[in-house]
Amino acid sequence: MPRGGNNEQHIALDTPSQAADYISRMTRELTEIARRHDLGFLSYLLTMAHEESVAEANRIKVDVD
């Protein structure tokens, strides 16, 4: 990956709940890409990360309510 200018987009994740929701969305998208390209083990790992992020987001929301 080229390094140089800082073109990274920063996303405001002010709470653990926001972070877990964001990770959930990103891992879902990455899982779809991995599946589309027959990257079986990577797809499996991303699915596990997605499931954990969803569970964590739910735990956080229950604790807040």
Protein backbone atom coordinates (compact mmCIF):
# COMPACT_ATOMS: atom_id res chain seq x y z
CA MET A 1 0.00 0.00 0.00
CA PRO A 2 1.35 3.36 -0.87
CA ARG A 3 2.22 5.61 1.97
CA GLY A 4 2.29 9.30 1.71
CA GLY A 5 -0.57 11.73 2.00
CA ASN A 6 -3.01 11.09 4.79
CA ASN A 7 -6.21 10.39 2.86
CA GLU A 8 -7.70 8.24 5.61
CA GLN A 9 -11.28 8.96 6.49
CA HIS A 10 -11.86 9.14 10.23
CA ILE A 11 -15.17 8.05 11.62
CA ALA A 12 -16.40 9.40 14.93
CA LEU A 13 -16.85 6.45 17.25
CA ASP A 14 -17.51 8.06 20.58
CA THR A 15 -18.98 5.10 22.45
CA PRO A 16 -18.32 1.35 22.66
CA SER A 17 -21.78 0.78 21.18
CA GLN A 18 -20.97 2.89 18.13
CA ALA A 19 -17.67 1.06 17.69
CA ALA A 20 -19.32 -2.37 17.94
CA ASP A 21 -22.02 -1.35 15.44
CA TYR A 22 -19.40 -0.04 13.01
CA ILE A 23 -17.28 -3.18 13.32
CA SER A 24 -20.41 -5.26 12.73
CA ARG A 25 -21.20 -3.43 9.49
CA MET A 26 -17.62 -3.59 8.24
CA THR A 27 -17.13 -7.27 8.99
CA ARG A 28 -20.43 -8.07 7.26
CA GLU A 29 -19.24 -6.27 4.12
CA LEU A 30 -15.79 -7.87 4.26
CA THR A 31 -17.36 -11.31 4.72
CA GLU A 32 -19.40 -10.78 1.55
CA ILE A 33 -16.26 -9.85 -0.38
CA ALA A 34 -14.38 -12.89 0.96
CA ARG A 35 -17.25 -15.22 0.01
CA ARG A 36 -17.54 -13.73 -3.46
CA HIS A 37 -13.88 -14.53 -4.05
CA ASP A 38 -13.97 -18.02 -2.50
CA LEU A 39 -11.71 -17.07 0.41
CA GLY A 40 -13.15 -19.72 2.70
CA PHE A 41 -11.03 -19.46 5.82
CA LEU A 42 -10.96 -15.66 5.72
CA SER A 43 -14.73 -15.67 5.27
CA TYR A 44 -15.04 -17.92 8.31
CA LEU A 45 -12.87 -15.65 10.45
CA LEU A 46 -14.76 -12.56 9.37
CA THR A 47 -18.06 -14.28 10.13
CA MET A 48 -16.83 -15.05 13.64
CA ALA A 49 -15.73 -11.42 14.10
CA HIS A 50 -19.11 -10.23 12.82
CA GLU A 51 -21.04 -12.50 15.18
CA GLU A 52 -18.93 -11.38 18.13
CA SER A 53 -19.38 -7.70 17.29
CA VAL A 54 -23.16 -8.14 17.06
CA ALA A 55 -23.22 -9.97 20.40
CA GLU A 56 -21.07 -7.27 22.00
CA ALA A 57 -23.28 -4.48 20.63
CA ASN A 58 -26.33 -6.27 22.05
CA ARG A 59 -24.64 -6.70 25.45
CA ILE A 60 -23.76 -3.01 25.55
CA LYS A 61 -27.31 -1.99 24.63
CA VAL A 62 -28.78 -4.24 27.33
CA ASP A 63 -26.42 -2.77 29.93
CA VAL A 64 -27.42 0.77 28.95
CA ASP A 65 -31.18 0.10 29.09
